[in-house]
Amino acid sequence: MPLFESRITSALQQRREQGLLRTLSPVHGGNTTQIKVAKQSFTNFSSNDYLGLANHDALKATWKTAVDRYGIGSAASPMVTGFSYAHHELQDTLCDWLGFEQAVLFNSGFSANQAVLFALLEKSDCIYQDKLNHASLIEAGLLSPATQFRFPHNNTERLHDLIERNGAGLVVTEGVFSMDGDRAPLANIQAQCQKQNCWLMVDDAHGIGVLGKEGKGSCEESLIKPQLLMVTFGKALGVHGAAVLCSSSTAEYLRQYARNFVYSTAMLPAQAVVVTKAIELTRTQQWRRDQLSELQHTYSSLLGDLPGYIDTQTPIKPYLAGSTDRAMSLACYLRQQGLWATAIRPPTVAQGKARIRVTLSANHTVEEVSKLAQSLKQFEYQHAKEGG
């Protein structure tokens, strides 16, 4: 068998034997709280649509109007003819909202993270990353010419020691961690960066829109301003794309040297218009964050005594199952109750840390969260009764 066929066959077989093979399931309504799979309906607890904007009538109407004005595609990279007045307005809106001099637009958070690290880091540099950072960040650090050091999750003492031993560099953390739903100690990290002459980059994909005044995110709530802030538009804002917020000189540097920006077709102008509208709704509709707070309180009060419960102050509510088999059994049981909540398994999380990643949306009701809680309790009761 040729080399690559043999390698592919072996790798897929190993995943199957470990029970870790991922599969694609076409769904209808994945951007709503009611999802349909193979003609069966479920309450959806697996979307990152935290504010309930992804299917909002105002955003859909804005999209239709913007398409009529700008057309479907951008047709070129930003440095050619792909940068429109719609993109310019979005940049200005982001800067006004988040308090930075400039914003550089990207087609995804993955692309934005890799663009920054590949463009900024050189062979003599050090990069310090939280061990639970997103794969886009860890991969970019490994593939960059810099030397990468990973510190234990949220362990600022270990971060301090690494910098003391190896020298100043770039410190990278998430504001809200996507699999655990917990938050970084940003004020402490920034204080260390200032003391040890490091730059700080925060990936706030899961904090923007949800935390802080007007949904300004983790940094605003922690009263800090990093040198680099990456935000995405496909989670709380309900659309798609990303931006890096920074100083004017850093933005100019990225536009010159970030290959993900220079050589990629630009974000659709109609999309930029819709993101601008989504930011307006995010800033002005505080009731969405208030609804999330109420739902989080309901979830915690009903499930706080269960062994799999993990306390978080965000809409991400991991329910720890432990083994892969138990996580898959729990996901299957929930679907039997009409609830769609995805099992997260290694290698996305560590061995023995498989879980159900529950995410709450402002469009959920207290009754729906209560049903989820009751179903989790029933599963635990049956599992204990069977001696599992």
Protein backbone atom coordinates (compact mmCIF):
# COMPACT_ATOMS: atom_id res chain seq x y z
CA MET A 1 0.00 0.00 0.00
CA PRO A 2 1.41 3.47 -0.90
CA LEU A 3 2.82 5.52 1.98
CA PHE A 4 0.01 8.03 2.47
CA GLU A 5 -2.81 5.51 2.01
CA SER A 6 -1.22 3.29 4.65
CA ARG A 7 -0.78 6.20 7.04
CA ILE A 8 -4.35 7.40 6.56
CA THR A 9 -5.83 3.93 7.00
CA SER A 10 -3.82 3.28 10.16
CA ALA A 11 -4.66 6.64 11.74
CA LEU A 12 -8.39 6.32 11.08
CA GLN A 13 -8.46 2.76 12.38
CA GLN A 14 -6.74 3.87 15.58
CA ARG A 15 -9.31 6.62 16.11
CA ARG A 16 -12.15 4.11 15.59
CA GLU A 17 -10.68 1.64 18.08
CA GLN A 18 -10.27 4.39 20.67
CA GLY A 19 -13.86 5.55 20.17
CA LEU A 20 -12.58 9.00 19.19
CA LEU A 21 -13.57 9.18 15.51
CA ARG A 22 -15.35 12.46 14.87
CA THR A 23 -18.36 12.50 12.53
CA LEU A 24 -20.26 15.19 10.66
CA SER A 25 -24.04 15.38 11.14
CA PRO A 26 -26.00 17.75 8.90
CA VAL A 27 -28.38 19.79 11.04
CA HIS A 28 -31.12 22.32 10.51
CA GLY A 29 -31.26 25.28 12.86
CA GLY A 30 -27.80 24.91 14.36
CA ASN A 31 -27.81 28.70 14.90
CA THR A 32 -30.99 28.54 17.02
CA THR A 33 -32.03 26.92 20.30
CA GLN A 34 -34.15 24.39 18.41
CA ILE A 35 -32.14 22.05 16.22
CA LYS A 36 -33.41 19.35 13.85
CA VAL A 37 -31.34 16.27 13.00
CA ALA A 38 -32.75 13.54 10.74
CA LYS A 39 -36.26 14.96 11.19
CA GLN A 40 -36.02 14.81 15.01
CA SER A 41 -36.10 18.03 17.02
CA PHE A 42 -33.88 18.84 20.00
CA THR A 43 -33.26 21.77 22.30
CA ASN A 44 -29.79 22.92 21.30
CA PHE A 45 -27.22 23.34 24.08
CA SER A 46 -24.16 23.17 21.81
CA SER A 47 -24.15 26.51 20.01
CA ASN A 48 -21.79 29.42 20.76
CA ASP A 49 -24.63 31.85 20.00
CA TYR A 50 -24.49 33.23 23.53
CA LEU A 51 -26.56 36.39 22.92
CA GLY A 52 -29.06 34.74 20.57
CA LEU A 53 -28.15 36.93 17.59
CA ALA A 54 -27.23 34.33 14.97
CA ASN A 55 -30.76 34.12 13.58
CA HIS A 56 -31.96 37.59 14.57
CA ASP A 57 -34.44 39.25 12.21
CA ALA A 58 -32.63 42.60 12.30
CA LEU A 59 -29.35 41.00 11.26
CA LYS A 60 -31.02 39.02 8.47
CA ALA A 61 -32.69 42.17 7.16
CA THR A 62 -29.36 44.04 7.33
CA TRP A 63 -27.68 41.23 5.39
CA LYS A 64 -30.26 41.35 2.61
CA THR A 65 -29.94 45.11 2.23
CA ALA A 66 -26.14 44.93 2.33
CA VAL A 67 -26.03 42.23 -0.37
CA ASP A 68 -28.17 44.41 -2.62
CA ARG A 69 -25.71 47.25 -2.12
CA TYR A 70 -22.35 45.43 -2.14
CA GLY A 71 -23.02 42.14 -3.92
CA ILE A 72 -22.10 38.66 -2.72
CA GLY A 73 -18.31 38.50 -2.62
CA SER A 74 -15.39 40.84 -2.00
CA ALA A 75 -13.58 39.51 -5.12
CA ALA A 76 -10.03 40.33 -3.97
CA SER A 77 -7.63 40.60 -1.07
CA PRO A 78 -7.83 43.74 1.11
CA MET A 79 -4.70 45.22 -0.46
CA VAL A 80 -6.14 44.97 -3.97
CA THR A 81 -9.83 45.91 -4.24
CA GLY A 82 -11.30 43.84 -1.39
CA PHE A 83 -11.33 46.61 1.23
CA SER A 84 -14.60 48.56 1.08
CA TYR A 85 -16.23 51.40 2.98
CA ALA A 86 -18.17 48.70 4.85
CA HIS A 87 -14.89 47.26 6.17
CA HIS A 88 -13.67 50.75 7.08
CA GLU A 89 -16.85 51.44 9.06
CA LEU A 90 -16.54 48.13 10.89
CA GLN A 91 -12.96 48.93 11.87
CA ASP A 92 -14.04 52.33 13.23
CA THR A 93 -16.94 50.74 15.13
CA LEU A 94 -14.64 48.17 16.75
CA CYS A 95 -12.16 50.85 17.81
CA ASP A 96 -14.92 53.03 19.28
CA TRP A 97 -16.40 50.05 21.14
CA LEU A 98 -13.20 48.52 22.50
CA GLY A 99 -10.97 51.58 22.85
CA PHE A 100 -8.07 50.75 20.52
CA GLU A 101 -6.41 52.83 17.83
CA GLN A 102 -6.83 50.29 15.04
CA ALA A 103 -8.53 47.02 14.07
CA VAL A 104 -7.32 44.53 11.46
CA LEU A 105 -10.03 42.29 10.00
CA PHE A 106 -9.69 38.55 9.33
CA ASN A 107 -11.94 35.79 8.01
CA SER A 108 -11.73 33.71 11.20
CA GLY A 109 -10.29 33.69 14.69
CA PHE A 110 -8.03 30.81 13.69
CA SER A 111 -6.59 32.90 10.86
CA ALA A 112 -6.23 36.00 13.06
CA ASN A 113 -4.34 34.16 15.79
CA GLN A 114 -1.95 32.53 13.35
CA ALA A 115 -1.44 35.79 11.45
CA VAL A 116 -0.29 37.62 14.57
CA LEU A 117 2.11 34.96 15.81
CA PHE A 118 3.63 34.19 12.40
CA ALA A 119 4.10 37.87 11.57
CA LEU A 120 5.34 39.05 14.95
CA LEU A 121 7.69 36.32 16.18
CA GLU A 122 11.32 35.82 15.17
CA LYS A 123 13.89 33.15 16.00
CA SER A 124 15.32 34.98 19.00
CA ASP A 125 11.89 35.50 20.61
CA CYS A 126 10.10 33.64 23.39
CA ILE A 127 6.37 33.02 23.49
CA TYR A 128 4.60 32.01 26.70
CA GLN A 129 1.22 30.31 26.37
CA ASP A 130 -1.36 28.95 28.79
CA LYS A 131 -1.51 25.18 28.30
CA LEU A 132 -5.24 25.34 27.61
CA ASN A 133 -5.01 27.97 24.85
CA HIS A 134 -6.88 27.29 21.62
CA ALA A 135 -5.30 24.96 19.06
CA SER A 136 -4.78 27.85 16.64
CA LEU A 137 -2.51 29.58 19.14
CA ILE A 138 -0.59 26.50 20.27
CA GLU A 139 -0.03 25.36 16.69
CA ALA A 140 1.13 28.82 15.59
CA GLY A 141 3.55 28.97 18.49
CA LEU A 142 4.99 25.58 17.61
CA LEU A 143 5.34 26.44 13.92
CA SER A 144 6.75 29.93 14.48
CA PRO A 145 10.52 30.47 14.61
CA ALA A 146 10.27 31.50 18.28
CA THR A 147 10.83 29.25 21.31
CA GLN A 148 7.51 28.34 22.90
CA PHE A 149 6.97 27.77 26.62
CA ARG A 150 3.63 26.59 28.03
CA PHE A 151 2.69 27.38 31.61
CA PRO A 152 0.14 25.41 33.69
CA HIS A 153 -3.39 26.69 33.29
CA ASN A 154 -3.83 30.13 34.90
CA ASN A 155 -0.65 29.62 36.94
CA THR A 156 0.86 33.10 37.10
CA GLU A 157 3.68 32.04 39.43
CA ARG A 158 4.92 29.50 36.91
CA LEU A 159 4.59 32.11 34.15
CA HIS A 160 6.74 34.49 36.20
CA ASP A 161 9.41 31.83 36.69
CA LEU A 162 9.52 30.95 32.99
CA ILE A 163 9.98 34.58 31.99
CA GLU A 164 12.65 35.09 34.66
CA ARG A 165 14.56 32.09 33.34
CA ASN A 166 14.18 32.67 29.59
CA GLY A 167 13.68 36.39 29.08
CA ALA A 168 10.99 38.79 27.90
CA GLY A 169 8.65 37.87 25.08
CA LEU A 170 5.00 37.55 24.11
CA VAL A 171 2.51 36.20 26.68
CA VAL A 172 -0.66 34.74 25.18
CA THR A 173 -3.82 33.70 27.00
CA GLU A 174 -7.52 33.36 26.34
CA GLY A 175 -9.90 35.61 28.24
CA VAL A 176 -12.47 32.82 28.59
CA PHE A 177 -11.34 29.26 27.94
CA SER A 178 -13.58 27.52 25.45
CA MET A 179 -13.67 24.02 26.95
CA ASP A 180 -13.64 24.88 30.67
CA GLY A 181 -15.59 28.15 30.64
CA ASP A 182 -13.29 29.68 33.24
CA ARG A 183 -11.49 33.01 32.96
CA ALA A 184 -7.85 34.03 32.97
CA PRO A 185 -6.50 36.19 35.82
CA LEU A 186 -5.87 38.98 33.34
CA ALA A 187 -5.03 41.74 35.81
CA ASN A 188 -2.31 39.61 37.40
CA ILE A 189 -0.97 38.51 34.02
CA GLN A 190 -0.79 42.07 32.72
CA ALA A 191 0.95 43.23 35.89
CA GLN A 192 3.57 40.53 35.35
CA CYS A 193 3.98 41.50 31.70
CA GLN A 194 4.56 45.14 32.63
CA LYS A 195 7.06 44.18 35.34
CA GLN A 196 8.96 41.75 33.08
CA ASN A 197 8.80 43.84 29.89
CA CYS A 198 6.55 41.45 27.94
CA TRP A 199 3.75 42.08 25.50
CA LEU A 200 0.34 40.58 26.24
CA MET A 201 -2.05 39.08 23.69
CA VAL A 202 -5.58 38.08 24.74
CA ASP A 203 -7.83 35.87 22.64
CA ASP A 204 -11.29 36.90 23.85
CA ALA A 205 -13.36 34.87 21.40
CA HIS A 206 -15.66 33.62 24.18
CA GLY A 207 -15.68 36.73 26.35
CA ILE A 208 -16.50 39.44 23.84
CA GLY A 209 -20.17 40.39 23.85
CA VAL A 210 -20.83 38.46 27.06
CA LEU A 211 -18.65 40.06 29.73
CA GLY A 212 -18.05 43.66 30.69
CA LYS A 213 -19.92 46.90 30.16
CA GLU A 214 -21.65 46.92 26.75
CA GLY A 215 -20.23 43.42 26.23
CA LYS A 216 -16.70 44.79 25.83
CA GLY A 217 -15.32 41.51 27.11
CA SER A 218 -12.81 40.07 29.53
CA CYS A 219 -10.25 42.86 29.28
CA GLU A 220 -12.72 45.63 30.03
CA GLU A 221 -14.11 43.69 32.98
CA SER A 222 -10.56 43.12 34.29
CA LEU A 223 -9.66 46.80 33.70
CA ILE A 224 -6.71 45.98 31.45
CA LYS A 225 -5.64 46.82 27.90
CA PRO A 226 -3.30 44.31 26.21
CA GLN A 227 -1.06 45.17 23.28
CA LEU A 228 -3.05 42.71 21.15
CA LEU A 229 -6.72 41.75 21.54
CA MET A 230 -8.29 39.17 19.24
CA VAL A 231 -12.09 39.07 19.05
CA THR A 232 -14.35 36.91 16.93
CA PHE A 233 -17.71 37.69 15.35
CA GLY A 234 -19.05 34.12 15.11
CA LYS A 235 -19.94 33.53 18.74
CA ALA A 236 -21.76 36.14 20.84
CA LEU A 237 -22.06 38.50 17.84
CA GLY A 238 -23.77 35.76 15.83
CA VAL A 239 -22.08 36.36 12.45
CA HIS A 240 -18.58 35.30 11.29
CA GLY A 241 -15.02 36.60 11.10
CA ALA A 242 -12.55 38.17 13.52
CA ALA A 243 -10.40 41.20 14.24
CA VAL A 244 -7.17 42.05 16.00
CA LEU A 245 -7.30 45.28 18.02
CA CYS A 246 -3.98 47.04 18.58
CA SER A 247 -2.01 50.27 18.15
CA SER A 248 -1.81 52.04 14.79
CA SER A 249 1.82 51.01 14.25
CA THR A 250 1.11 47.35 15.08
CA ALA A 251 -1.87 47.34 12.72
CA GLU A 252 0.26 48.77 9.92
CA TYR A 253 2.90 46.11 10.60
CA LEU A 254 0.29 43.32 10.39
CA ARG A 255 -1.11 44.70 7.15
CA GLN A 256 2.37 44.62 5.67
CA TYR A 257 3.65 41.30 7.03
CA ALA A 258 0.71 39.08 8.06
CA ARG A 259 0.36 36.70 5.14
CA ASN A 260 -3.08 35.54 6.32
CA PHE A 261 -4.24 39.12 5.76
CA VAL A 262 -2.28 40.09 2.65
CA TYR A 263 -2.93 36.95 0.63
CA SER A 264 -6.51 36.05 1.64
CA THR A 265 -9.65 37.20 -0.11
CA ALA A 266 -11.20 39.87 2.09
CA MET A 267 -14.21 39.40 4.33
CA LEU A 268 -17.46 39.92 2.42
CA PRO A 269 -18.45 43.60 2.60
CA ALA A 270 -22.06 42.61 3.33
CA GLN A 271 -20.74 40.56 6.25
CA ALA A 272 -18.88 43.60 7.58
CA VAL A 273 -22.14 45.56 7.50
CA VAL A 274 -23.94 42.85 9.49
CA VAL A 275 -21.15 42.63 12.08
CA THR A 276 -21.40 46.40 12.56
CA LYS A 277 -25.13 46.00 13.21
CA ALA A 278 -24.47 43.09 15.58
CA ILE A 279 -22.10 45.27 17.60
CA GLU A 280 -24.84 47.92 17.89
CA LEU A 281 -27.28 45.33 19.27
CA THR A 282 -24.63 43.90 21.59
CA ARG A 283 -23.84 47.30 23.07
CA THR A 284 -27.43 48.44 23.56
CA GLN A 285 -29.38 45.28 24.48
CA GLN A 286 -28.20 44.61 28.01
CA TRP A 287 -31.21 42.36 28.59
CA ARG A 288 -29.43 39.59 26.67
CA ARG A 289 -26.59 39.49 29.21
CA ASP A 290 -29.12 39.76 32.04
CA GLN A 291 -30.99 36.74 30.65
CA LEU A 292 -27.74 34.77 30.49
CA SER A 293 -27.06 35.61 34.12
CA GLU A 294 -30.49 34.32 35.15
CA LEU A 295 -30.00 31.10 33.17
CA GLN A 296 -26.55 30.58 34.69
CA HIS A 297 -28.02 30.98 38.16
CA THR A 298 -30.74 28.43 37.35
CA TYR A 299 -28.19 25.94 36.02
CA SER A 300 -25.91 26.32 39.05
CA SER A 301 -28.68 26.15 41.64
CA LEU A 302 -30.10 22.94 40.16
CA LEU A 303 -26.85 21.09 39.44
CA GLY A 304 -24.30 22.44 41.91
CA ASP A 305 -24.40 19.27 44.03
CA LEU A 306 -23.72 16.79 41.19
CA PRO A 307 -20.22 15.29 40.82
CA GLY A 308 -19.84 16.39 37.19
CA TYR A 309 -20.77 20.01 37.87
CA ILE A 310 -18.05 22.62 37.27
CA ASP A 311 -18.69 26.17 38.45
CA THR A 312 -18.12 28.90 35.85
CA GLN A 313 -19.11 32.56 35.55
CA THR A 314 -19.71 32.30 31.79
CA PRO A 315 -22.31 30.66 29.52
CA ILE A 316 -19.91 27.72 28.96
CA LYS A 317 -20.91 24.99 31.42
CA PRO A 318 -18.72 21.88 31.11
CA TYR A 319 -20.25 18.82 32.77
CA LEU A 320 -17.42 16.41 33.53
CA ALA A 321 -18.04 12.77 32.59
CA GLY A 322 -14.49 11.42 32.91
CA SER A 323 -14.14 8.61 30.40
CA THR A 324 -14.91 8.87 26.71
CA ASP A 325 -17.47 6.05 26.96
CA ARG A 326 -19.33 7.77 29.79
CA ALA A 327 -19.40 11.09 27.93
CA MET A 328 -20.80 9.43 24.83
CA SER A 329 -23.39 7.55 26.89
CA LEU A 330 -24.47 10.79 28.55
CA ALA A 331 -24.77 12.61 25.21
CA CYS A 332 -26.86 9.74 23.86
CA TYR A 333 -29.10 9.77 26.94
CA LEU A 334 -29.67 13.52 26.61
CA ARG A 335 -30.68 13.12 22.98
CA GLN A 336 -33.24 10.56 24.05
CA GLN A 337 -34.67 13.34 26.23
CA GLY A 338 -34.76 15.75 23.27
CA LEU A 339 -31.61 17.64 24.29
CA TRP A 340 -28.60 18.20 22.02
CA ALA A 341 -25.37 18.64 23.99
CA THR A 342 -22.09 17.56 22.44
CA ALA A 343 -19.61 15.19 24.06
CA ILE A 344 -16.05 16.57 24.00
CA ARG A 345 -13.35 13.88 24.00
CA PRO A 346 -9.59 13.60 23.72
CA PRO A 347 -7.57 14.95 22.00
CA THR A 348 -9.62 18.15 22.38
CA VAL A 349 -9.46 17.67 26.16
CA ALA A 350 -7.07 15.62 28.29
CA GLN A 351 -7.51 11.90 28.95
CA GLY A 352 -9.98 11.34 31.76
CA LYS A 353 -11.50 14.80 31.22
CA ALA A 354 -14.18 13.96 28.63
CA ARG A 355 -17.25 16.06 29.15
CA ILE A 356 -20.52 17.41 27.90
CA ARG A 357 -19.93 20.99 26.83
CA VAL A 358 -23.18 22.75 27.69
CA THR A 359 -23.54 26.28 26.34
CA LEU A 360 -26.32 28.67 27.24
CA SER A 361 -27.95 31.24 24.97
CA ALA A 362 -30.05 34.28 25.80
CA ASN A 363 -32.74 32.59 23.69
CA HIS A 364 -33.01 29.65 26.09
CA THR A 365 -35.76 29.64 28.69
CA VAL A 366 -35.55 28.80 32.38
CA GLU A 367 -37.81 25.82 31.65
CA GLU A 368 -35.38 24.44 29.04
CA VAL A 369 -32.42 24.75 31.39
CA SER A 370 -34.47 23.08 34.14
CA LYS A 371 -35.23 20.16 31.84
CA LEU A 372 -31.54 19.79 31.04
CA ALA A 373 -30.72 19.78 34.75
CA GLN A 374 -33.38 17.17 35.49
CA SER A 375 -32.09 14.94 32.69
CA LEU A 376 -28.51 15.14 34.00
CA LYS A 377 -29.77 14.19 37.45
CA GLN A 378 -31.72 11.24 36.04
CA PHE A 379 -28.65 9.98 34.20
CA GLU A 380 -26.54 10.16 37.36
CA TYR A 381 -29.24 8.38 39.36
CA GLN A 382 -29.51 5.56 36.82
CA HIS A 383 -25.74 5.28 36.53
CA ALA A 384 -25.37 5.01 40.32
CA LYS A 385 -28.22 2.51 40.52
CA GLU A 386 -26.53 0.29 37.94
CA GLY A 387 -23.26 0.52 39.87
CA GLY A 388 -21.46 2.41 37.10
